[in-house]
Amino acid sequence: MQILTFPEAATPAELRIQVRELQDAAWPSGSPAPTPDDAPVHDPALRPLSMLLVDGGTVLAALDLLAKEISHAGQRYAAAGLSTVVTRAEARGRGHGRRLVAEARETLAAQGHDLGLFTCDRPLRTFYESAGWHHLPGTVLVGGTPEAPFPSDCPGFDKVTMAAFFSDRARRARASFLGSRIALHPGDIDKLW
């Protein structure tokens, strides 16, 4: 088993097709027209990086890392987050997803980001905590765009915000992120990551 990392657009076709199948199974779009396998899932401006846990050519788990600079409490931060985290149904319960999510956290730290931020469904909180991420109680990520915001506390959503503070500067500012609204604004494609 190995973890492979590629810019989203450079992921080999045979692996990209498997990832797209896993994503479609996890989040059926209901769209009558299938998305082409080579179409980007994420906005290229977010510098999407795909991480795949592969065993003998089979993708067992996959996720994407997205990154951008954000402003919060009068400061600028290099932020990144997890998106489209998925594990092959028949491979679940073996720690593959946890291994990949923990490795993603280490990768983001090594890349020099100040912090990692993302939302997840409330029942997945303990899964992400087991991989080294921390829950930010009361924190809301505001996605979409400034003109069309998409907050993680929309009616019908049951999301929590997870984080990791990598730089000394971000660690010192941790309290400013607790219980706050953070303007993530990743755009129209990735309304939230």
Protein backbone atom coordinates (compact mmCIF):
# COMPACT_ATOMS: atom_id res chain seq x y z
CA MET A 1 0.00 0.00 0.00
CA GLN A 2 1.23 3.48 -0.82
CA ILE A 3 0.02 7.05 -0.66
CA LEU A 4 0.34 8.85 -3.98
CA THR A 5 -0.04 12.61 -4.38
CA PHE A 6 -0.71 14.48 -7.62
CA PRO A 7 -2.01 17.86 -8.69
CA GLU A 8 -5.66 17.05 -9.45
CA ALA A 9 -5.26 17.67 -13.19
CA ALA A 10 -2.16 15.43 -13.33
CA THR A 11 -3.69 12.38 -11.61
CA PRO A 12 -3.19 9.39 -13.93
CA ALA A 13 -6.38 8.55 -15.82
CA GLU A 14 -6.72 5.00 -14.43
CA LEU A 15 -6.61 6.35 -10.87
CA ARG A 16 -8.75 9.41 -11.58
CA ILE A 17 -11.52 7.20 -13.00
CA GLN A 18 -11.52 5.10 -9.81
CA VAL A 19 -11.61 8.23 -7.63
CA ARG A 20 -14.52 9.63 -9.61
CA GLU A 21 -16.41 6.33 -9.22
CA LEU A 22 -15.84 6.41 -5.44
CA GLN A 23 -17.01 10.05 -5.28
CA ASP A 24 -20.09 9.34 -7.40
CA ALA A 25 -21.00 6.39 -5.16
CA ALA A 26 -20.56 8.50 -2.01
CA TRP A 27 -22.31 11.63 -3.32
CA PRO A 28 -24.65 10.74 -6.20
CA SER A 29 -25.31 13.95 -8.12
CA GLY A 30 -28.63 12.88 -9.54
CA SER A 31 -27.52 14.50 -12.78
CA PRO A 32 -28.66 12.61 -15.90
CA ALA A 33 -25.44 13.57 -17.71
CA PRO A 34 -22.31 11.97 -16.24
CA THR A 35 -19.34 14.23 -15.55
CA PRO A 36 -16.40 13.48 -17.84
CA ASP A 37 -13.64 11.63 -15.99
CA ASP A 38 -11.10 14.29 -16.94
CA ALA A 39 -13.23 17.25 -15.78
CA PRO A 40 -11.82 18.99 -12.70
CA VAL A 41 -13.77 18.49 -9.48
CA HIS A 42 -12.29 21.61 -7.89
CA ASP A 43 -11.56 25.20 -8.85
CA PRO A 44 -7.96 25.28 -10.16
CA ALA A 45 -7.42 28.55 -8.24
CA LEU A 46 -7.52 26.46 -5.03
CA ARG A 47 -4.49 24.46 -6.22
CA PRO A 48 -6.20 21.06 -5.73
CA LEU A 49 -3.88 18.25 -4.76
CA SER A 50 -5.21 14.68 -4.82
CA MET A 51 -3.98 12.17 -2.24
CA LEU A 52 -4.73 8.51 -2.90
CA LEU A 53 -4.15 5.39 -0.83
CA VAL A 54 -3.48 2.75 -3.47
CA ASP A 55 -2.98 -1.00 -3.15
CA GLY A 56 -1.96 -2.91 -6.26
CA GLY A 57 -3.50 -0.32 -8.59
CA THR A 58 -6.77 -0.11 -6.61
CA VAL A 59 -7.67 3.18 -4.93
CA LEU A 60 -8.77 2.32 -1.39
CA ALA A 61 -9.22 5.90 -0.15
CA ALA A 62 -8.91 9.37 -1.63
CA LEU A 63 -9.12 13.01 -0.67
CA ASP A 64 -8.26 16.38 -2.09
CA LEU A 65 -6.36 19.22 -0.47
CA LEU A 66 -7.45 22.76 -1.33
CA ALA A 67 -5.58 25.93 -0.40
CA LYS A 68 -5.98 29.69 -0.42
CA GLU A 69 -5.09 32.74 1.60
CA ILE A 70 -7.78 33.95 4.00
CA SER A 71 -8.25 37.03 6.16
CA HIS A 72 -9.39 36.55 9.73
CA ALA A 73 -9.39 38.94 12.71
CA GLY A 74 -7.26 41.43 10.78
CA GLN A 75 -4.60 38.87 9.81
CA ARG A 76 -3.80 36.95 6.61
CA TYR A 77 -3.26 33.21 6.79
CA ALA A 78 -2.20 30.51 4.35
CA ALA A 79 -5.10 28.10 4.86
CA ALA A 80 -5.82 24.70 3.40
CA GLY A 81 -8.43 22.05 3.94
CA LEU A 82 -9.67 18.59 3.11
CA SER A 83 -12.33 17.91 0.52
CA THR A 84 -14.04 14.87 -0.99
CA VAL A 85 -12.68 12.40 1.60
CA VAL A 86 -13.88 8.95 0.59
CA THR A 87 -13.02 5.30 1.27
CA ARG A 88 -13.99 2.38 -0.96
CA ALA A 89 -17.08 0.75 0.65
CA GLU A 90 -15.58 -2.73 0.88
CA ALA A 91 -12.36 -1.36 2.42
CA ARG A 92 -13.99 0.61 5.25
CA GLY A 93 -13.28 -0.12 8.90
CA ARG A 94 -9.61 -1.00 8.31
CA GLY A 95 -8.05 2.39 9.09
CA HIS A 96 -7.36 3.37 5.48
CA GLY A 97 -9.29 6.63 5.63
CA ARG A 98 -7.75 7.56 8.99
CA ARG A 99 -4.26 6.88 7.65
CA LEU A 100 -4.88 9.10 4.62
CA VAL A 101 -6.48 11.92 6.66
CA ALA A 102 -3.57 11.89 9.14
CA GLU A 103 -1.08 11.97 6.28
CA ALA A 104 -2.97 14.89 4.73
CA ARG A 105 -2.58 16.84 7.98
CA GLU A 106 1.17 16.16 7.97
CA THR A 107 1.41 17.15 4.29
CA LEU A 108 -0.33 20.47 4.90
CA ALA A 109 2.00 21.23 7.80
CA ALA A 110 5.06 20.36 5.70
CA GLN A 111 3.85 22.59 2.86
CA GLY A 112 4.05 25.61 5.15
CA HIS A 113 0.37 26.41 5.59
CA ASP A 114 -0.52 28.37 8.72
CA LEU A 115 -3.57 26.26 9.39
CA GLY A 116 -5.94 23.63 8.09
CA LEU A 117 -9.70 24.19 8.20
CA PHE A 118 -12.66 22.24 6.88
CA THR A 119 -16.15 21.16 7.79
CA CYS A 120 -17.49 17.66 8.18
CA ASP A 121 -20.79 16.05 9.09
CA ARG A 122 -21.17 16.06 12.88
CA PRO A 123 -21.07 12.22 13.19
CA LEU A 124 -17.60 12.22 11.54
CA ARG A 125 -16.04 14.51 14.13
CA THR A 126 -14.49 11.69 16.19
CA PHE A 127 -13.07 10.09 13.02
CA TYR A 128 -11.20 13.30 12.17
CA GLU A 129 -10.11 13.81 15.77
CA SER A 130 -8.63 10.30 15.74
CA ALA A 131 -6.47 11.43 12.81
CA GLY A 132 -5.12 14.47 14.68
CA TRP A 133 -7.61 17.20 13.75
CA HIS A 134 -9.32 19.38 16.39
CA HIS A 135 -12.94 20.47 16.66
CA LEU A 136 -13.55 24.25 16.80
CA PRO A 137 -16.79 24.55 18.80
CA GLY A 138 -19.20 27.14 17.45
CA THR A 139 -16.98 28.01 14.48
CA VAL A 140 -18.68 28.51 11.12
CA LEU A 141 -16.90 28.51 7.77
CA VAL A 142 -18.50 30.89 5.30
CA GLY A 143 -18.08 29.48 1.84
CA GLY A 144 -19.33 30.55 -1.56
CA THR A 145 -18.35 34.09 -2.46
CA PRO A 146 -18.69 37.42 -0.64
CA GLU A 147 -21.62 38.21 -2.97
CA ALA A 148 -23.27 34.80 -2.49
CA PRO A 149 -22.11 33.44 0.89
CA PHE A 150 -22.67 29.80 1.79
CA PRO A 151 -22.18 29.32 5.56
CA SER A 152 -21.67 25.93 7.14
CA ASP A 153 -24.53 26.64 9.55
CA CYS A 154 -27.17 26.83 6.78
CA PRO A 155 -30.55 25.40 7.76
CA GLY A 156 -30.54 21.64 7.24
CA PHE A 157 -26.75 21.35 7.59
CA ASP A 158 -25.32 19.50 10.56
CA LYS A 159 -21.66 20.43 10.15
CA VAL A 160 -18.78 21.01 12.55
CA THR A 161 -15.52 22.79 11.80
CA MET A 162 -12.24 20.94 12.19
CA ALA A 163 -8.80 22.54 12.32
CA ALA A 164 -5.08 22.10 12.80
CA PHE A 165 -2.79 25.02 13.64
CA PHE A 166 0.60 24.59 12.00
CA SER A 167 2.48 27.87 12.32
CA ASP A 168 3.42 29.57 15.60
CA ARG A 169 1.45 32.60 14.45
CA ALA A 170 -1.71 30.55 13.88
CA ARG A 171 -1.27 28.71 17.20
CA ARG A 172 -1.04 32.05 19.03
CA ALA A 173 -4.24 33.20 17.29
CA ARG A 174 -6.17 29.96 17.95
CA ALA A 175 -8.62 31.65 20.34
CA SER A 176 -9.70 34.06 17.59
CA PHE A 177 -10.92 31.10 15.52
CA LEU A 178 -13.08 29.58 18.28
CA GLY A 179 -16.78 30.35 17.99
CA SER A 180 -16.18 32.69 15.06
CA ARG A 181 -17.36 33.05 11.48
CA ILE A 182 -14.42 32.55 9.13
CA ALA A 183 -14.67 33.96 5.60
CA LEU A 184 -13.33 31.07 3.54
CA HIS A 185 -15.04 32.05 0.25
CA PRO A 186 -13.56 29.33 -1.99
CA GLY A 187 -15.87 30.28 -4.90
CA ASP A 188 -18.82 28.88 -6.81
CA ILE A 189 -17.39 25.42 -7.60
CA ASP A 190 -16.16 24.55 -4.11
CA LYS A 191 -18.81 26.31 -2.04
CA LEU A 192 -17.25 24.72 1.05
CA TRP A 193 -14.30 22.43 1.37
